[in-house]
Amino acid sequence: MVGVSCALALQQRGITVTLIDRREPGRETSYGNAGVLASSSIVPLNNPSLYARIGDYLGNRHPALNLSWRRAFSRPGWLLRFLWEARPSQAAARIAALQALTASSVERHRALMAEAGVSHRLRETGTLKLWRSEAGHAAARAEHDFLKRHGIASQILDRQGISAVEPSLNPIFPAGLLIPSVGSVDSPGAVTAAYAALFAERGGRIEQAEVAGLARQGARWQARTTQGTFEADLAVVALGPWSGDLLKPLGLDPWLDVERGYHRHLKPAAGTGLSRPVYDVDAAYYMAPMEQGVRITSGVDLSFRDAPDDHRQIDGATASARKAFPLGEVVGETWRGARPTLPDSLPMIGEAPRNPGLWLAFGNQHIGFSTGPITGEMIAAMVCGEKPPIDPTPFRPGRYIR
């Protein structure tokens, strides 16, 4: 989503763009998310509350995280920096940066979907967060008050209120929070592919090839790929969790790491359905209505990016989802993807230090599908010397790349 959005935004400014993707656009990280256009996702992953839960996380006692200690010890500096970035003094600035990045997600996607002819895939029915214990009432109230302070409306629901908006859910949740301003789609991969098709229809070139290397050749950038060599005045690296692989041979270490995640589709029981994505807070999974069925997403798997699948989390999430909603048989294969994450939970958007014409757009972690369009607009505006739609300072590459 980020790469396609950058290509579209540059193209709209009259720049000739070649989009290079090793697979068809929309088949990697952007394929597998919960399809949420998360205008309310304004709290960084490593916020101060992380410290209270760290024992459960490090001991693999919480469904939100599966930690491979072998992987953690392979990059202890990154993990320590991630924890250090969660200190309270940083929270307000990070929240402000994320709110600026996410605020226009629905509006921008609505416009792009209309241009791409896929408006039927957009739902503007909000999202629903649910708690399984009575303690959820206080948690829902606290989140409601927090969102209100930041201008985001929400509605606290009790058990009866939850049944009124999602009657097919089993009545196991005493507390919920409906956030109406959040949008969602029924196939993130299809939406990304539609944006890529729009780019191609407008004269953009799409090459399916794997990039083997990137180098500066005089005043131009050269990408070596499995389908030959491509040269251009500027290059945008938007390879998500693979971006570091391309940059490190240039002497650029973006301090990028990867969170793996899984999803699985199940058929809803006859006569049932969901109107919006639902997040089960205590069991740490999303349940989202998709074109293929009900998509169950897992928590974070902090294993090596290319390690074999570990289905413990998605199996646990599936079992929890069956208690919450009448689900039938599994449809298709379990999918695994990887999310690109930087230590401060903010993406890297801007020109690389010491490398004129090399632009970076990655690290959008869990909200890349939501924030792809504004990321593309920021890159295109800065490339063309225009004022970007939001302040790019919090996302500058120089905060990690020296």
Protein backbone atom coordinates (compact mmCIF):
# COMPACT_ATOMS: atom_id res chain seq x y z
CA MET A 1 0.00 0.00 0.00
CA VAL A 2 2.78 2.45 0.85
CA GLY A 3 4.68 1.77 -2.37
CA VAL A 4 1.63 1.98 -4.61
CA SER A 5 0.52 5.17 -2.86
CA CYS A 6 3.94 6.75 -3.43
CA ALA A 7 3.79 5.78 -7.11
CA LEU A 8 0.32 7.29 -7.54
CA ALA A 9 1.16 10.53 -5.74
CA LEU A 10 4.35 11.06 -7.76
CA GLN A 11 2.51 10.25 -10.99
CA GLN A 12 -0.21 12.78 -10.18
CA ARG A 13 2.52 15.44 -10.14
CA GLY A 14 3.61 14.59 -13.67
CA ILE A 15 6.58 12.39 -12.77
CA THR A 16 7.20 9.25 -14.84
CA VAL A 17 7.24 6.33 -12.40
CA THR A 18 8.24 2.67 -12.62
CA LEU A 19 6.90 0.53 -9.77
CA ILE A 20 9.04 -2.56 -9.11
CA ASP A 21 7.49 -5.32 -7.01
CA ARG A 22 8.67 -8.90 -6.68
CA ARG A 23 5.04 -10.03 -6.56
CA GLU A 24 1.82 -8.54 -7.81
CA PRO A 25 1.05 -5.36 -5.82
CA GLY A 26 -0.96 -6.04 -2.68
CA ARG A 27 0.22 -9.61 -2.11
CA GLU A 28 2.64 -9.06 0.76
CA THR A 29 2.11 -7.20 4.07
CA SER A 30 -0.81 -5.16 2.71
CA TYR A 31 -2.70 -8.33 1.88
CA GLY A 32 -2.99 -9.77 5.34
CA ASN A 33 -4.14 -7.06 7.75
CA ALA A 34 -7.59 -6.60 9.31
CA GLY A 35 -8.58 -4.06 6.66
CA VAL A 36 -9.03 -1.28 9.21
CA LEU A 37 -8.62 2.38 8.26
CA ALA A 38 -7.44 3.25 11.71
CA SER A 39 -8.07 6.92 12.38
CA SER A 40 -8.11 6.10 16.11
CA SER A 41 -4.75 4.26 16.18
CA ILE A 42 -2.89 7.14 17.75
CA VAL A 43 -1.12 5.40 20.64
CA PRO A 44 2.34 4.01 19.77
CA LEU A 45 2.96 0.31 20.28
CA ASN A 46 5.64 1.08 22.84
CA ASN A 47 3.67 3.43 25.07
CA PRO A 48 4.31 3.71 28.83
CA SER A 49 1.78 0.96 29.64
CA LEU A 50 4.24 -1.50 28.07
CA TYR A 51 6.30 -1.49 31.25
CA ALA A 52 3.44 -2.85 33.36
CA ARG A 53 2.94 -5.78 30.98
CA ILE A 54 6.54 -6.55 30.23
CA GLY A 55 6.68 -9.58 32.55
CA ASP A 56 3.79 -11.28 30.76
CA TYR A 57 5.20 -10.36 27.36
CA LEU A 58 8.72 -11.56 28.02
CA GLY A 59 7.39 -14.77 29.56
CA ASN A 60 5.10 -15.42 26.58
CA ARG A 61 2.09 -15.38 28.91
CA HIS A 62 -0.01 -12.95 26.85
CA PRO A 63 -1.68 -13.74 23.49
CA ALA A 64 -0.61 -10.37 22.11
CA LEU A 65 3.03 -11.48 21.84
CA ASN A 66 5.07 -14.55 21.02
CA LEU A 67 8.74 -13.79 21.64
CA SER A 68 11.62 -15.86 20.29
CA TRP A 69 14.43 -15.32 22.76
CA ARG A 70 16.96 -16.42 20.13
CA ARG A 71 15.76 -13.62 17.91
CA ALA A 72 15.68 -11.11 20.79
CA PHE A 73 19.29 -11.88 21.73
CA SER A 74 20.34 -11.46 18.11
CA ARG A 75 19.51 -7.72 18.31
CA PRO A 76 19.52 -6.73 21.99
CA GLY A 77 20.28 -3.11 21.12
CA TRP A 78 17.10 -2.80 19.09
CA LEU A 79 14.95 -4.29 21.86
CA LEU A 80 16.48 -2.01 24.49
CA ARG A 81 15.95 1.03 22.25
CA PHE A 82 12.32 -0.01 21.70
CA LEU A 83 11.79 -0.17 25.47
CA TRP A 84 13.61 3.12 26.04
CA GLU A 85 11.41 4.85 23.45
CA ALA A 86 8.33 3.88 25.54
CA ARG A 87 9.23 6.29 28.35
CA PRO A 88 6.41 8.67 29.39
CA SER A 89 8.25 11.82 28.32
CA GLN A 90 7.92 10.78 24.68
CA ALA A 91 4.24 9.77 24.66
CA ALA A 92 2.56 13.10 23.88
CA ALA A 93 4.77 13.87 20.88
CA ARG A 94 4.34 10.37 19.45
CA ILE A 95 0.57 10.49 19.88
CA ALA A 96 0.43 13.85 18.10
CA ALA A 97 2.52 12.50 15.23
CA LEU A 98 0.37 9.39 14.84
CA GLN A 99 -2.85 11.40 14.99
CA ALA A 100 -1.59 13.69 12.23
CA LEU A 101 -0.67 10.63 10.16
CA THR A 102 -3.95 8.74 10.66
CA ALA A 103 -6.57 11.52 10.82
CA SER A 104 -7.29 11.61 7.08
CA SER A 105 -7.09 7.84 6.44
CA VAL A 106 -10.78 7.30 5.63
CA GLU A 107 -11.06 10.50 3.59
CA ARG A 108 -8.00 9.68 1.46
CA HIS A 109 -8.98 6.07 0.88
CA ARG A 110 -12.55 7.08 0.05
CA ALA A 111 -11.26 9.36 -2.70
CA LEU A 112 -8.81 6.79 -4.08
CA MET A 113 -11.41 4.00 -4.04
CA ALA A 114 -13.77 6.18 -6.04
CA GLU A 115 -11.04 6.87 -8.62
CA ALA A 116 -10.13 3.16 -8.76
CA GLY A 117 -13.75 2.02 -9.04
CA VAL A 118 -13.80 0.00 -5.79
CA SER A 119 -15.96 2.18 -3.54
CA HIS A 120 -18.12 -0.87 -2.85
CA ARG A 121 -15.28 -2.30 -0.75
CA LEU A 122 -15.39 0.55 1.78
CA ARG A 123 -17.38 0.27 5.02
CA GLU A 124 -17.87 3.30 7.24
CA THR A 125 -19.42 1.42 10.15
CA GLY A 126 -16.61 1.94 12.67
CA THR A 127 -14.81 -0.66 14.74
CA LEU A 128 -15.77 -2.32 18.00
CA LYS A 129 -13.39 -3.07 20.88
CA LEU A 130 -14.53 -5.68 23.38
CA TRP A 131 -13.50 -6.74 26.88
CA ARG A 132 -14.22 -10.15 28.45
CA SER A 133 -14.22 -9.14 32.12
CA GLU A 134 -16.02 -6.60 34.26
CA ALA A 135 -12.74 -4.68 34.46
CA GLY A 136 -13.44 -3.79 30.83
CA HIS A 137 -15.94 -1.14 31.92
CA ALA A 138 -13.17 0.96 33.42
CA ALA A 139 -10.87 0.28 30.45
CA ALA A 140 -13.57 1.32 27.98
CA ARG A 141 -14.28 4.49 29.95
CA ALA A 142 -10.58 5.37 30.09
CA GLU A 143 -10.15 4.88 26.34
CA HIS A 144 -13.34 6.82 25.61
CA ASP A 145 -12.05 9.75 27.68
CA PHE A 146 -8.63 9.58 26.05
CA LEU A 147 -10.09 9.60 22.52
CA LYS A 148 -12.44 12.44 23.44
CA ARG A 149 -9.48 14.56 24.56
CA HIS A 150 -8.06 14.07 21.07
CA GLY A 151 -11.29 14.89 19.24
CA ILE A 152 -12.27 11.30 18.39
CA ALA A 153 -15.83 10.27 19.23
CA SER A 154 -16.64 6.87 20.70
CA GLN A 155 -19.55 5.18 22.42
CA ILE A 156 -19.29 3.00 25.53
CA LEU A 157 -21.46 -0.12 25.30
CA ASP A 158 -22.66 -2.62 27.88
CA ARG A 159 -23.61 -6.22 27.09
CA GLN A 160 -27.00 -5.20 25.70
CA GLY A 161 -25.50 -2.38 23.65
CA ILE A 162 -22.99 -4.76 22.10
CA SER A 163 -25.79 -7.16 21.12
CA ALA A 164 -27.71 -4.28 19.56
CA VAL A 165 -24.88 -3.37 17.15
CA GLU A 166 -23.55 -6.91 16.56
CA PRO A 167 -26.40 -9.34 17.28
CA SER A 168 -24.48 -12.41 16.06
CA LEU A 169 -21.81 -12.09 18.75
CA ASN A 170 -22.15 -14.43 21.69
CA PRO A 171 -22.97 -12.43 24.87
CA ILE A 172 -19.61 -13.03 26.56
CA PHE A 173 -18.44 -9.41 26.55
CA PRO A 174 -19.69 -7.15 29.34
CA ALA A 175 -18.03 -4.00 27.96
CA GLY A 176 -17.28 -2.53 24.57
CA LEU A 177 -16.29 0.65 22.78
CA LEU A 178 -17.68 1.59 19.37
CA ILE A 179 -15.50 4.04 17.38
CA PRO A 180 -17.67 5.25 14.48
CA SER A 181 -15.04 7.27 12.60
CA VAL A 182 -12.93 4.22 11.74
CA GLY A 183 -13.45 2.70 8.30
CA SER A 184 -12.67 -0.75 6.94
CA VAL A 185 -12.53 -2.72 3.69
CA ASP A 186 -13.53 -6.25 2.73
CA SER A 187 -10.24 -7.11 0.97
CA PRO A 188 -7.08 -5.08 1.64
CA GLY A 189 -5.19 -6.95 -1.07
CA ALA A 190 -7.85 -6.23 -3.69
CA VAL A 191 -7.92 -2.53 -2.76
CA THR A 192 -4.12 -2.28 -3.09
CA ALA A 193 -4.27 -4.10 -6.43
CA ALA A 194 -7.00 -1.70 -7.62
CA TYR A 195 -4.81 1.29 -6.78
CA ALA A 196 -1.95 -0.32 -8.73
CA ALA A 197 -4.30 -0.88 -11.69
CA LEU A 198 -5.28 2.80 -11.53
CA PHE A 199 -1.58 3.72 -11.63
CA ALA A 200 -1.09 1.50 -14.69
CA GLU A 201 -4.18 2.89 -16.44
CA ARG A 202 -2.71 6.38 -16.04
CA GLY A 203 0.48 5.34 -17.82
CA GLY A 204 2.54 3.97 -14.93
CA ARG A 205 4.89 1.06 -15.52
CA ILE A 206 4.78 -1.97 -13.23
CA GLU A 207 7.64 -4.45 -13.34
CA GLN A 208 7.40 -7.75 -11.47
CA ALA A 209 10.98 -8.32 -10.40
CA GLU A 210 13.09 -8.75 -7.29
CA VAL A 211 15.52 -5.92 -6.60
CA ALA A 212 18.99 -7.32 -6.03
CA GLY A 213 20.75 -4.04 -5.33
CA LEU A 214 20.56 -0.26 -5.42
CA ALA A 215 23.46 2.06 -6.23
CA ARG A 216 24.20 5.65 -7.12
CA GLN A 217 25.53 6.03 -10.67
CA GLY A 218 26.59 9.61 -11.25
CA ALA A 219 23.53 11.79 -10.73
CA ARG A 220 21.08 8.88 -11.04
CA TRP A 221 20.00 5.83 -9.09
CA GLN A 222 20.31 2.34 -10.52
CA ALA A 223 18.27 -0.67 -9.38
CA ARG A 224 19.58 -4.11 -10.33
CA THR A 225 16.73 -6.61 -10.58
CA THR A 226 16.00 -10.11 -11.81
CA GLN A 227 14.47 -8.50 -14.90
CA GLY A 228 17.35 -6.19 -15.72
CA THR A 229 18.63 -2.81 -14.59
CA PHE A 230 16.51 0.31 -14.15
CA GLU A 231 17.80 3.88 -13.83
CA ALA A 232 16.01 6.97 -12.57
CA ASP A 233 16.65 10.43 -11.18
CA LEU A 234 15.28 9.34 -7.82
CA ALA A 235 14.42 6.13 -6.02
CA VAL A 236 11.78 5.50 -3.34
CA VAL A 237 12.43 2.53 -1.08
CA ALA A 238 9.06 1.27 0.17
CA LEU A 239 9.85 -2.40 0.70
CA GLY A 240 8.30 -2.64 4.15
CA PRO A 241 10.09 -5.30 6.23
CA TRP A 242 12.66 -5.89 3.46
CA SER A 243 13.75 -2.24 3.19
CA GLY A 244 16.80 -2.70 5.40
CA ASP A 245 18.13 -5.46 3.14
CA LEU A 246 18.39 -2.97 0.28
CA LEU A 247 19.78 -0.08 2.33
CA LYS A 248 22.49 -1.73 4.43
CA PRO A 249 24.86 -2.34 1.46
CA LEU A 250 24.73 1.46 0.98
CA GLY A 251 25.95 1.94 4.56
CA LEU A 252 22.48 2.95 5.77
CA ASP A 253 21.08 1.12 8.80
CA PRO A 254 17.48 2.27 9.42
CA TRP A 255 17.14 0.34 12.70
CA LEU A 256 14.24 -1.55 11.17
CA ASP A 257 12.83 -4.70 12.70
CA VAL A 258 9.93 -6.98 11.88
CA GLU A 259 6.77 -8.13 13.63
CA ARG A 260 5.31 -11.26 12.08
CA GLY A 261 1.57 -11.89 12.09
CA TYR A 262 -0.95 -14.45 10.88
CA HIS A 263 -4.49 -14.61 9.63
CA ARG A 264 -7.01 -17.33 8.95
CA HIS A 265 -10.45 -17.24 7.30
CA LEU A 266 -13.47 -19.11 8.63
CA LYS A 267 -17.00 -19.36 7.35
CA PRO A 268 -19.62 -17.66 9.53
CA ALA A 269 -22.51 -19.88 10.57
CA ALA A 270 -25.61 -19.59 8.41
CA GLY A 271 -27.69 -16.53 9.21
CA THR A 272 -24.90 -14.73 11.10
CA GLY A 273 -22.56 -11.92 10.20
CA LEU A 274 -20.50 -8.95 11.36
CA SER A 275 -21.02 -5.34 10.31
CA ARG A 276 -17.53 -4.15 11.21
CA PRO A 277 -14.12 -5.38 12.45
CA VAL A 278 -14.17 -6.41 16.10
CA TYR A 279 -11.12 -6.41 18.38
CA ASP A 280 -11.12 -8.77 21.36
CA VAL A 281 -8.80 -6.90 23.75
CA ASP A 282 -8.18 -9.70 26.25
CA ALA A 283 -7.56 -12.39 23.63
CA ALA A 284 -5.60 -10.00 21.34
CA TYR A 285 -7.08 -10.74 17.93
CA TYR A 286 -9.16 -8.99 15.29
CA MET A 287 -12.21 -10.62 13.78
CA ALA A 288 -13.06 -8.86 10.52
CA PRO A 289 -15.70 -9.57 7.86
CA MET A 290 -13.90 -10.14 4.56
CA GLU A 291 -14.71 -11.25 1.04
CA GLN A 292 -13.26 -14.69 1.86
CA GLY A 293 -15.17 -15.09 5.16
CA VAL A 294 -14.42 -13.92 8.70
CA ARG A 295 -10.72 -13.10 9.00
CA ILE A 296 -9.06 -13.84 12.34
CA THR A 297 -5.74 -12.07 12.87
CA SER A 298 -3.14 -12.97 15.47
CA GLY A 299 -1.01 -10.93 17.84
CA VAL A 300 2.67 -10.23 17.19
CA ASP A 301 5.15 -13.04 16.56
CA LEU A 302 8.64 -11.73 17.33
CA SER A 303 10.54 -14.50 15.58
CA PHE A 304 13.09 -14.14 12.80
CA ARG A 305 11.45 -12.69 9.70
CA ASP A 306 12.00 -15.78 7.55
CA ALA A 307 11.68 -18.47 10.26
CA PRO A 308 9.13 -21.29 9.72
CA ASP A 309 5.54 -20.62 10.71
CA ASP A 310 4.54 -20.89 14.35
CA HIS A 311 0.75 -21.26 14.55
CA ARG A 312 0.37 -21.18 18.33
CA GLN A 313 -0.97 -17.63 18.39
CA ILE A 314 -3.36 -17.99 15.47
CA ASP A 315 -4.60 -21.31 16.85
CA GLY A 316 -5.28 -19.61 20.19
CA ALA A 317 -6.97 -16.67 18.50
CA THR A 318 -9.15 -19.02 16.46
CA ALA A 319 -10.24 -20.88 19.60
CA SER A 320 -11.07 -17.58 21.33
CA ALA A 321 -12.97 -16.32 18.29
CA ARG A 322 -15.11 -19.46 18.20
CA LYS A 323 -16.27 -18.66 21.74
CA ALA A 324 -17.19 -15.14 20.66
CA PHE A 325 -18.89 -15.79 17.33
CA PRO A 326 -20.50 -18.81 15.58
CA LEU A 327 -17.80 -19.87 13.14
CA GLY A 328 -17.71 -22.89 10.85
CA GLU A 329 -14.93 -24.47 8.80
CA VAL A 330 -11.61 -22.92 7.88
CA VAL A 331 -11.39 -21.50 4.36
CA GLY A 332 -8.03 -21.74 2.57
CA GLU A 333 -4.56 -21.71 4.11
CA THR A 334 -3.27 -19.86 7.15
CA TRP A 335 -1.34 -16.78 5.97
CA ARG A 336 1.78 -15.24 7.49
CA GLY A 337 3.15 -11.78 6.88
CA ALA A 338 5.60 -9.30 8.36
CA ARG A 339 5.14 -5.73 9.59
CA PRO A 340 8.05 -3.23 9.44
CA THR A 341 8.63 -1.49 12.78
CA LEU A 342 11.07 1.13 14.02
CA PRO A 343 11.97 1.59 17.71
CA ASP A 344 9.72 4.63 18.18
CA SER A 345 6.69 3.08 16.40
CA LEU A 346 6.73 5.86 13.77
CA PRO A 347 7.48 5.34 10.08
CA MET A 348 10.49 6.70 8.23
CA ILE A 349 9.34 9.21 5.60
CA GLY A 350 11.83 11.46 3.84
CA GLU A 351 15.12 11.71 1.96
CA ALA A 352 17.99 9.54 3.18
CA PRO A 353 20.89 11.40 4.80
CA ARG A 354 23.95 11.83 2.54
CA ASN A 355 22.09 10.27 -0.43
CA PRO A 356 20.31 12.90 -2.55
CA GLY A 357 17.46 11.46 -4.55
CA LEU A 358 17.03 8.40 -2.31
CA TRP A 359 13.67 8.60 -0.53
CA LEU A 360 12.50 6.30 2.26
CA ALA A 361 8.91 5.32 3.02
CA PHE A 362 8.60 2.36 5.39
CA GLY A 363 8.15 1.38 9.02
CA ASN A 364 4.39 2.05 9.18
CA GLN A 365 4.05 -1.04 11.46
CA HIS A 366 0.39 -2.01 12.02
CA ILE A 367 -1.10 0.98 10.20
CA GLY A 368 0.58 0.89 6.79
CA PHE A 369 -2.67 0.10 5.00
CA SER A 370 -4.34 3.09 6.68
CA THR A 371 -1.48 5.51 6.23
CA GLY A 372 -0.19 4.53 2.81
CA PRO A 373 -1.97 7.36 0.95
CA ILE A 374 -0.75 10.16 3.23
CA THR A 375 2.76 8.67 3.23
CA GLY A 376 2.71 8.80 -0.57
CA GLU A 377 1.49 12.40 -0.53
CA MET A 378 4.25 13.40 1.89
CA ILE A 379 6.96 11.81 -0.25
CA ALA A 380 5.64 13.33 -3.49
CA ALA A 381 5.26 16.79 -1.95
CA MET A 382 8.80 16.78 -0.57
CA VAL A 383 10.24 15.46 -3.84
CA CYS A 384 8.56 18.35 -5.68
CA GLY A 385 9.52 21.00 -3.15
CA GLU A 386 5.95 21.45 -1.93
CA LYS A 387 4.74 21.73 1.63
CA PRO A 388 3.72 18.21 2.77
CA PRO A 389 0.19 17.69 4.17
CA ILE A 390 1.54 17.25 7.72
CA ASP A 391 4.77 18.09 9.50
CA PRO A 392 7.35 15.49 8.39
CA THR A 393 9.77 16.19 11.23
CA PRO A 394 8.74 13.29 13.53
CA PHE A 395 9.26 10.85 10.64
CA ARG A 396 12.61 12.11 9.35
CA PRO A 397 15.07 9.32 8.45
CA GLY A 398 17.91 11.13 10.21
CA ARG A 399 16.57 10.21 13.64
CA TYR A 400 18.06 6.72 13.14
CA ILE A 401 20.21 6.93 10.00
CA ARG A 402 23.35 9.00 10.56
